[in-house]
PDB file of N, CA and C in Angstrom:
ATOM      1  N   UNK A   1       0.847  -1.183   0.000  1.00  0.00           N
ATOM      2  CA  UNK A   1       0.000   0.000   0.000  1.00  0.00           C
ATOM      3  C   UNK A   1       0.890   1.243   0.000  1.00  0.00           C
ATOM      4  N   UNK A   2       0.669   2.127  -0.947  1.00  0.00           N
ATOM      5  CA  UNK A   2       1.514   3.326  -1.039  1.00  0.00           C
ATOM      6  C   UNK A   2       1.405   4.204   0.203  1.00  0.00           C
ATOM      7  N   UNK A   3       2.495   4.873   0.506  1.00  0.00           N
ATOM      8  CA  UNK A   3       2.530   5.761   1.665  1.00  0.00           C
ATOM      9  C   UNK A   3       1.874   7.096   1.327  1.00  0.00           C
ATOM     10  N   UNK A   4       1.654   7.897   2.349  1.00  0.00           N
ATOM     11  CA  UNK A   4       1.087   9.234   2.148  1.00  0.00           C
ATOM     12  C   UNK A   4       2.041  10.086   1.317  1.00  0.00           C
ATOM     13  N   UNK A   5       3.340   9.921   1.537  1.00  0.00           N
ATOM     14  CA  UNK A   5       4.326  10.686   0.765  1.00  0.00           C
ATOM     15  C   UNK A   5       4.261  10.311  -0.709  1.00  0.00           C
ATOM     16  N   UNK A   6       4.025   9.042  -0.994  1.00  0.00           N
ATOM     17  CA  UNK A   6       3.891   8.588  -2.380  1.00  0.00           C
ATOM     18  C   UNK A   6       2.641   9.191  -3.014  1.00  0.00           C
ATOM     19  N   UNK A   7       1.536   9.164  -2.291  1.00  0.00           N
ATOM     20  CA  UNK A   7       0.290   9.740  -2.800  1.00  0.00           C
ATOM     21  C   UNK A   7       0.452  11.234  -3.066  1.00  0.00           C
ATOM     22  N   UNK A   8       1.155  11.925  -2.188  1.00  0.00           N
ATOM     23  CA  UNK A   8       1.416  13.350  -2.376  1.00  0.00           C
ATOM     24  C   UNK A   8       2.277  13.578  -3.603  1.00  0.00           C
ATOM     25  N   UNK A   9       3.316  12.754  -3.791  1.00  0.00           N
ATOM     26  CA  UNK A   9       4.191  12.882  -4.956  1.00  0.00           C
ATOM     27  C   UNK A   9       3.406  12.637  -6.243  1.00  0.00           C
ATOM     28  N   UNK A  10       2.514  11.651  -6.231  1.00  0.00           N
ATOM     29  CA  UNK A  10       1.698  11.370  -7.410  1.00  0.00           C
ATOM     30  C   UNK A  10       0.793  12.558  -7.733  1.00  0.00           C
ATOM     31  N   UNK A  11       0.211  13.157  -6.717  1.00  0.00           N
ATOM     32  CA  UNK A  11      -0.641  14.337  -6.929  1.00  0.00           C
ATOM     33  C   UNK A  11       0.199  15.504  -7.452  1.00  0.00           C
ATOM     34  N   UNK A  12       1.388  15.664  -6.904  1.00  0.00           N
ATOM     35  CA  UNK A  12       2.284  16.727  -7.368  1.00  0.00           C
ATOM     36  C   UNK A  12       2.649  16.537  -8.835  1.00  0.00           C
ATOM     37  N   UNK A  13       2.923  15.300  -9.228  1.00  0.00           N
ATOM     38  CA  UNK A  13       3.296  15.012 -10.615  1.00  0.00           C
ATOM     39  C   UNK A  13       2.140  15.331 -11.565  1.00  0.00           C
ATOM     40  N   UNK A  14       0.925  15.043 -11.138  1.00  0.00           N
ATOM     41  CA  UNK A  14      -0.244  15.344 -11.973  1.00  0.00           C
ATOM     42  C   UNK A  14      -0.482  16.842 -12.086  1.00  0.00           C
ATOM     43  N   UNK A  15       0.016  17.599 -11.120  1.00  0.00           N
ATOM     44  CA  UNK A  15      -0.229  19.044 -11.083  1.00  0.00           C
ATOM     45  C   UNK A  15       0.892  19.865 -11.722  1.00  0.00           C
ATOM     46  N   UNK A  16       1.867  19.224 -12.358  1.00  0.00           N
ATOM     47  CA  UNK A  16       2.931  19.985 -13.015  1.00  0.00           C
ATOM     48  C   UNK A  16       2.302  20.977 -13.988  1.00  0.00           C
ATOM     49  N   UNK A  17       2.840  22.190 -14.008  1.00  0.00           N
ATOM     50  CA  UNK A  17       2.302  23.209 -14.911  1.00  0.00           C
ATOM     51  C   UNK A  17       2.971  23.175 -16.282  1.00  0.00           C
ATOM     52  N   UNK A  18       4.134  22.540 -16.366  1.00  0.00           N
ATOM     53  CA  UNK A  18       4.814  22.332 -17.643  1.00  0.00           C
ATOM     54  C   UNK A  18       4.993  20.834 -17.832  1.00  0.00           C
ATOM     55  N   UNK A  19       5.055  20.399 -19.089  1.00  0.00           N
ATOM     56  CA  UNK A  19       5.153  18.971 -19.384  1.00  0.00           C
ATOM     57  C   UNK A  19       6.622  18.535 -19.406  1.00  0.00           C
ATOM     58  N   UNK A  20       6.961  17.525 -18.594  1.00  0.00           N
ATOM     59  CA  UNK A  20       8.315  16.950 -18.661  1.00  0.00           C
ATOM     60  C   UNK A  20       8.555  16.292 -20.023  1.00  0.00           C
ATOM     61  N   UNK A  21       9.802  16.003 -20.318  1.00  0.00           N
ATOM     62  CA  UNK A  21      10.144  15.327 -21.571  1.00  0.00           C
ATOM     63  C   UNK A  21       9.567  13.911 -21.573  1.00  0.00           C
ATOM     64  N   UNK A  22       9.521  13.321 -22.758  1.00  0.00           N
ATOM     65  CA  UNK A  22       9.018  11.951 -22.863  1.00  0.00           C
ATOM     66  C   UNK A  22       9.843  10.992 -22.012  1.00  0.00           C
ATOM     67  N   UNK A  23      11.157  11.180 -21.994  1.00  0.00           N
ATOM     68  CA  UNK A  23      12.028  10.314 -21.186  1.00  0.00           C
ATOM     69  C   UNK A  23      11.719  10.464 -19.698  1.00  0.00           C
ATOM     70  N   UNK A  24      11.471  11.686 -19.261  1.00  0.00           N
ATOM     71  CA  UNK A  24      11.138  11.910 -17.856  1.00  0.00           C
ATOM     72  C   UNK A  24       9.771  11.305 -17.521  1.00  0.00           C
ATOM     73  N   UNK A  25       8.819  11.438 -18.441  1.00  0.00           N
ATOM     74  CA  UNK A  25       7.501  10.844 -18.217  1.00  0.00           C
ATOM     75  C   UNK A  25       7.577   9.321 -18.158  1.00  0.00           C
ATOM     76  N   UNK A  26       8.418   8.721 -18.995  1.00  0.00           N
ATOM     77  CA  UNK A  26       8.590   7.263 -18.961  1.00  0.00           C
ATOM     78  C   UNK A  26       9.204   6.823 -17.633  1.00  0.00           C
ATOM     79  N   UNK A  27      10.153   7.590 -17.133  1.00  0.00           N
ATOM     80  CA  UNK A  27      10.763   7.268 -15.841  1.00  0.00           C
ATOM     81  C   UNK A  27       9.719   7.343 -14.727  1.00  0.00           C
ATOM     82  N   UNK A  28       8.900   8.385 -14.745  1.00  0.00           N
ATOM     83  CA  UNK A  28       7.825   8.505 -13.754  1.00  0.00           C
ATOM     84  C   UNK A  28       6.875   7.311 -13.852  1.00  0.00           C
ATOM     85  N   UNK A  29       6.483   6.979 -15.059  1.00  0.00           N
ATOM     86  CA  UNK A  29       5.565   5.856 -15.286  1.00  0.00           C
ATOM     87  C   UNK A  29       6.155   4.553 -14.753  1.00  0.00           C
ATOM     88  N   UNK A  30       7.405   4.302 -15.117  1.00  0.00           N
ATOM     89  CA  UNK A  30       8.054   3.047 -14.732  1.00  0.00           C
ATOM     90  C   UNK A  30       8.157   2.918 -13.216  1.00  0.00           C
ATOM     91  N   UNK A  31       8.586   3.976 -12.562  1.00  0.00           N
ATOM     92  CA  UNK A  31       8.709   3.935 -11.103  1.00  0.00           C
ATOM     93  C   UNK A  31       7.342   3.787 -10.440  1.00  0.00           C
ATOM     94  N   UNK A  32       6.342   4.497 -10.963  1.00  0.00           N
ATOM     95  CA  UNK A  32       4.993   4.408 -10.411  1.00  0.00           C
ATOM     96  C   UNK A  32       4.457   2.985 -10.524  1.00  0.00           C
ATOM     97  N   UNK A  33       4.569   2.390 -11.713  1.00  0.00           N
ATOM     98  CA  UNK A  33       4.070   1.038 -11.913  1.00  0.00           C
ATOM     99  C   UNK A  33       4.808   0.018 -11.051  1.00  0.00           C
ATOM    100  N   UNK A  34       6.128   0.154 -10.956  1.00  0.00           N
ATOM    101  CA  UNK A  34       6.906  -0.783 -10.143  1.00  0.00           C
ATOM    102  C   UNK A  34       6.515  -0.651  -8.674  1.00  0.00           C
ATOM    103  N   UNK A  35       6.256   0.573  -8.236  1.00  0.00           N
ATOM    104  CA  UNK A  35       5.879   0.799  -6.840  1.00  0.00           C
ATOM    105  C   UNK A  35       4.477   0.297  -6.533  1.00  0.00           C
ATOM    106  N   UNK A  36       3.555   0.424  -7.485  1.00  0.00           N
ATOM    107  CA  UNK A  36       2.168   0.080  -7.198  1.00  0.00           C
ATOM    108  C   UNK A  36       1.771  -1.332  -7.632  1.00  0.00           C
ATOM    109  N   UNK A  37       2.396  -1.851  -8.696  1.00  0.00           N
ATOM    110  CA  UNK A  37       2.022  -3.173  -9.217  1.00  0.00           C
ATOM    111  C   UNK A  37       3.101  -4.209  -8.938  1.00  0.00           C
ATOM    112  N   UNK A  38       4.353  -3.781  -9.033  1.00  0.00           N
ATOM    113  CA  UNK A  38       5.467  -4.712  -8.874  1.00  0.00           C
ATOM    114  C   UNK A  38       6.040  -5.067 -10.236  1.00  0.00           C
ATOM    115  N   UNK A  39       6.662  -6.216 -10.318  1.00  0.00           N
ATOM    116  CA  UNK A  39       7.335  -6.647 -11.543  1.00  0.00           C
ATOM    117  C   UNK A  39       6.332  -6.784 -12.687  1.00  0.00           C
ATOM    118  N   UNK A  40       6.719  -6.282 -13.848  1.00  0.00           N
ATOM    119  CA  UNK A  40       5.883  -6.346 -15.046  1.00  0.00           C
ATOM    120  C   UNK A  40       5.824  -7.783 -15.551  1.00  0.00           C
ATOM    121  N   UNK A  41       4.633  -8.355 -15.515  1.00  0.00           N
ATOM    122  CA  UNK A  41       4.439  -9.715 -16.000  1.00  0.00           C
ATOM    123  C   UNK A  41       3.481  -9.745 -17.184  1.00  0.00           C
ATOM    124  N   UNK A  42       3.258  -8.591 -17.804  1.00  0.00           N
ATOM    125  CA  UNK A  42       2.370  -8.520 -18.960  1.00  0.00           C
ATOM    126  C   UNK A  42       3.141  -8.846 -20.234  1.00  0.00           C
ATOM    127  N   UNK A  43       2.414  -9.111 -21.302  1.00  0.00           N
ATOM    128  CA  UNK A  43       3.012  -9.396 -22.602  1.00  0.00           C
ATOM    129  C   UNK A  43       3.404  -8.071 -23.247  1.00  0.00           C
ATOM    130  N   UNK A  44       4.584  -8.049 -23.869  1.00  0.00           N
ATOM    131  CA  UNK A  44       5.057  -6.824 -24.529  1.00  0.00           C
ATOM    132  C   UNK A  44       4.122  -6.478 -25.688  1.00  0.00           C
ATOM    133  N   UNK A  45       3.725  -5.208 -25.803  1.00  0.00           N
ATOM    134  CA  UNK A  45       2.831  -4.802 -26.891  1.00  0.00           C
ATOM    135  C   UNK A  45       3.423  -5.089 -28.264  1.00  0.00           C
ATOM    136  N   UNK A  46       2.551  -5.129 -29.246  1.00  0.00           N
ATOM    137  CA  UNK A  46       2.942  -5.456 -30.609  1.00  0.00           C
ATOM    138  C   UNK A  46       3.787  -4.397 -31.296  1.00  0.00           C
ATOM    139  N   UNK A  47       4.247  -4.742 -32.465  1.00  0.00           N
ATOM    140  CA  UNK A  47       5.167  -3.946 -33.269  1.00  0.00           C
ATOM    141  C   UNK A  47       4.680  -2.523 -33.512  1.00  0.00           C
ATOM    142  N   UNK A  48       3.390  -2.348 -33.753  1.00  0.00           N
ATOM    143  CA  UNK A  48       2.869  -1.032 -34.115  1.00  0.00           C
ATOM    144  C   UNK A  48       2.549  -0.144 -32.919  1.00  0.00           C
ATOM    145  N   UNK A  49       2.524  -0.689 -31.736  1.00  0.00           N
ATOM    146  CA  UNK A  49       2.215   0.085 -30.527  1.00  0.00           C
ATOM    147  C   UNK A  49       3.509   0.651 -29.938  1.00  0.00           C
ATOM    148  N   UNK A  50       4.003   1.709 -30.542  1.00  0.00           N
ATOM    149  CA  UNK A  50       5.297   2.269 -30.127  1.00  0.00           C
ATOM    150  C   UNK A  50       5.255   2.832 -28.710  1.00  0.00           C
ATOM    151  N   UNK A  51       4.196   3.556 -28.380  1.00  0.00           N
ATOM    152  CA  UNK A  51       4.081   4.118 -27.036  1.00  0.00           C
ATOM    153  C   UNK A  51       3.952   3.003 -25.998  1.00  0.00           C
ATOM    154  N   UNK A  52       3.139   2.014 -26.307  1.00  0.00           N
ATOM    155  CA  UNK A  52       2.969   0.891 -25.386  1.00  0.00           C
ATOM    156  C   UNK A  52       4.260   0.135 -25.153  1.00  0.00           C
ATOM    157  N   UNK A  53       5.043  -0.064 -26.221  1.00  0.00           N
ATOM    158  CA  UNK A  53       6.332  -0.758 -26.073  1.00  0.00           C
ATOM    159  C   UNK A  53       7.301   0.076 -25.232  1.00  0.00           C
ATOM    160  N   UNK A  54       7.317   1.387 -25.434  1.00  0.00           N
ATOM    161  CA  UNK A  54       8.212   2.251 -24.658  1.00  0.00           C
ATOM    162  C   UNK A  54       7.860   2.191 -23.176  1.00  0.00           C
ATOM    163  N   UNK A  55       6.566   2.223 -22.875  1.00  0.00           N
ATOM    164  CA  UNK A  55       6.135   2.142 -21.478  1.00  0.00           C
ATOM    165  C   UNK A  55       6.472   0.771 -20.886  1.00  0.00           C
ATOM    166  N   UNK A  56       6.227  -0.288 -21.659  1.00  0.00           N
ATOM    167  CA  UNK A  56       6.517  -1.645 -21.199  1.00  0.00           C
ATOM    168  C   UNK A  56       8.009  -1.793 -20.913  1.00  0.00           C
ATOM    169  N   UNK A  57       8.841  -1.317 -21.845  1.00  0.00           N
ATOM    170  CA  UNK A  57      10.299  -1.413 -21.675  1.00  0.00           C
ATOM    171  C   UNK A  57      10.772  -0.622 -20.456  1.00  0.00           C
ATOM    172  N   UNK A  58      10.207   0.575 -20.268  1.00  0.00           N
ATOM    173  CA  UNK A  58      10.599   1.403 -19.128  1.00  0.00           C
ATOM    174  C   UNK A  58      10.249   0.707 -17.818  1.00  0.00           C
ATOM    175  N   UNK A  59       9.035   0.167 -17.730  1.00  0.00           N
ATOM    176  CA  UNK A  59       8.605  -0.520 -16.510  1.00  0.00           C
ATOM    177  C   UNK A  59       9.461  -1.761 -16.273  1.00  0.00           C
ATOM    178  N   UNK A  60       9.697  -2.544 -17.304  1.00  0.00           N
ATOM    179  CA  UNK A  60      10.482  -3.762 -17.167  1.00  0.00           C
ATOM    180  C   UNK A  60      11.910  -3.459 -16.729  1.00  0.00           C
ATOM    181  N   UNK A  61      12.419  -2.298 -17.111  1.00  0.00           N
ATOM    182  CA  UNK A  61      13.788  -1.926 -16.725  1.00  0.00           C
ATOM    183  C   UNK A  61      13.929  -1.718 -15.221  1.00  0.00           C
ATOM    184  N   UNK A  62      12.825  -1.612 -14.515  1.00  0.00           N
ATOM    185  CA  UNK A  62      12.844  -1.395 -13.057  1.00  0.00           C
ATOM    186  C   UNK A  62      12.633  -2.683 -12.271  1.00  0.00           C
ATOM    187  N   UNK A  63      12.715  -3.839 -12.937  1.00  0.00           N
ATOM    188  CA  UNK A  63      12.369  -5.101 -12.277  1.00  0.00           C
ATOM    189  C   UNK A  63      13.269  -5.445 -11.095  1.00  0.00           C
ATOM    190  N   UNK A  64      14.465  -4.860 -11.032  1.00  0.00           N
ATOM    191  CA  UNK A  64      15.367  -5.146  -9.903  1.00  0.00           C
ATOM    192  C   UNK A  64      14.928  -4.430  -8.628  1.00  0.00           C
ATOM    193  N   UNK A  65      14.095  -3.416  -8.759  1.00  0.00           N
ATOM    194  CA  UNK A  65      13.667  -2.640  -7.594  1.00  0.00           C
ATOM    195  C   UNK A  65      12.491  -3.310  -6.898  1.00  0.00           C
ATOM    196  N   UNK A  66      12.529  -3.309  -5.591  1.00  0.00           N
ATOM    197  CA  UNK A  66      11.355  -3.740  -4.845  1.00  0.00           C
ATOM    198  C   UNK A  66      10.324  -2.619  -4.929  1.00  0.00           C
ATOM    199  N   UNK A  67       9.067  -2.907  -4.654  1.00  0.00           N
ATOM    200  CA  UNK A  67       8.082  -1.819  -4.649  1.00  0.00           C
ATOM    201  C   UNK A  67       8.460  -0.683  -3.695  1.00  0.00           C
ATOM    202  N   UNK A  68       9.029  -1.002  -2.555  1.00  0.00           N
ATOM    203  CA  UNK A  68       9.428   0.038  -1.604  1.00  0.00           C
ATOM    204  C   UNK A  68      10.563   0.897  -2.168  1.00  0.00           C
ATOM    205  N   UNK A  69      11.515   0.266  -2.831  1.00  0.00           N
ATOM    206  CA  UNK A  69      12.610   1.022  -3.453  1.00  0.00           C
ATOM    207  C   UNK A  69      12.082   1.903  -4.584  1.00  0.00           C
ATOM    208  N   UNK A  70      11.171   1.368  -5.378  1.00  0.00           N
ATOM    209  CA  UNK A  70      10.592   2.141  -6.479  1.00  0.00           C
ATOM    210  C   UNK A  70       9.780   3.312  -5.943  1.00  0.00           C
ATOM    211  N   UNK A  71       9.074   3.089  -4.848  1.00  0.00           N
ATOM    212  CA  UNK A  71       8.299   4.166  -4.231  1.00  0.00           C
ATOM    213  C   UNK A  71       9.221   5.294  -3.774  1.00  0.00           C
ATOM    214  N   UNK A  72      10.304   4.946  -3.109  1.00  0.00           N
ATOM    215  CA  UNK A  72      11.258   5.958  -2.645  1.00  0.00           C
ATOM    216  C   UNK A  72      11.885   6.692  -3.823  1.00  0.00           C
ATOM    217  N   UNK A  73      12.225   5.961  -4.876  1.00  0.00           N
ATOM    218  CA  UNK A  73      12.817   6.581  -6.059  1.00  0.00           C
ATOM    219  C   UNK A  73      11.811   7.500  -6.744  1.00  0.00           C
ATOM    220  N   UNK A  74      10.555   7.102  -6.777  1.00  0.00           N
ATOM    221  CA  UNK A  74       9.500   7.924  -7.386  1.00  0.00           C
ATOM    222  C   UNK A  74       9.348   9.239  -6.623  1.00  0.00           C
ATOM    223  N   UNK A  75       9.286   9.152  -5.319  1.00  0.00           N
ATOM    224  CA  UNK A  75       9.131  10.349  -4.484  1.00  0.00           C
ATOM    225  C   UNK A  75      10.301  11.298  -4.714  1.00  0.00           C
ATOM    226  N   UNK A  76      11.508  10.764  -4.743  1.00  0.00           N
ATOM    227  CA  UNK A  76      12.699  11.594  -4.967  1.00  0.00           C
ATOM    228  C   UNK A  76      12.705  12.198  -6.365  1.00  0.00           C
ATOM    229  N   UNK A  77      12.288  11.436  -7.362  1.00  0.00           N
ATOM    230  CA  UNK A  77      12.289  11.920  -8.740  1.00  0.00           C
ATOM    231  C   UNK A  77      11.264  13.034  -8.936  1.00  0.00           C
ATOM    232  N   UNK A  78      10.085  12.872  -8.338  1.00  0.00           N
ATOM    233  CA  UNK A  78       9.070  13.927  -8.422  1.00  0.00           C
ATOM    234  C   UNK A  78       9.585  15.198  -7.755  1.00  0.00           C
ATOM    235  N   UNK A  79      10.242  15.056  -6.606  1.00  0.00           N
ATOM    236  CA  UNK A  79      10.793  16.229  -5.919  1.00  0.00           C
ATOM    237  C   UNK A  79      11.817  16.940  -6.806  1.00  0.00           C
ATOM    238  N   UNK A  80      12.621  16.161  -7.515  1.00  0.00           N
ATOM    239  CA  UNK A  80      13.616  16.731  -8.421  1.00  0.00           C
ATOM    240  C   UNK A  80      12.934  17.458  -9.594  1.00  0.00           C
ATOM    241  N   UNK A  81      11.914  16.845 -10.156  1.00  0.00           N
ATOM    242  CA  UNK A  81      11.217  17.437 -11.303  1.00  0.00           C
ATOM    243  C   UNK A  81      10.396  18.671 -10.917  1.00  0.00           C
ATOM    244  N   UNK A  82       9.924  18.709  -9.681  1.00  0.00           N
ATOM    245  CA  UNK A  82       9.134  19.859  -9.233  1.00  0.00           C
ATOM    246  C   UNK A  82       9.890  21.169  -9.388  1.00  0.00           C
ATOM    247  N   UNK A  83      11.211  21.117  -9.290  1.00  0.00           N
ATOM    248  CA  UNK A  83      12.021  22.333  -9.428  1.00  0.00           C
ATOM    249  C   UNK A  83      11.830  22.985 -10.794  1.00  0.00           C
ATOM    250  N   UNK A  84      11.617  22.176 -11.825  1.00  0.00           N
ATOM    251  CA  UNK A  84      11.510  22.689 -13.187  1.00  0.00           C
ATOM    252  C   UNK A  84      10.096  22.710 -13.747  1.00  0.00           C
ATOM    253  N   UNK A  85       9.195  21.890 -13.200  1.00  0.00           N
ATOM    254  CA  UNK A  85       7.898  21.729 -13.844  1.00  0.00           C
ATOM    255  C   UNK A  85       6.694  22.107 -12.985  1.00  0.00           C
ATOM    256  N   UNK A  86       6.893  22.429 -11.737  1.00  0.00           N
ATOM    257  CA  UNK A  86       5.753  22.785 -10.875  1.00  0.00           C
ATOM    258  C   UNK A  86       5.520  24.268 -10.867  1.00  0.00           C
TER     259      UNK A  86
END
């Protein structure tokens, strides 16, 4: 179950006034999914789903992190991004 700090970071990320780069958004997505779902056990999207494959690859790249580690990394990453995008 996510902590209050994680929930706050997620709300902060949704409230950014400027859009982070695609790479930064993928990092946020990957850390969020690893923290909330755990290891990606879904099938990789097909050839034509470029966005889906990028998200799948980003999430899968975090498989070494425990959900608690991913949660801490997510909170820290949002705090870092807030300097430029909040």
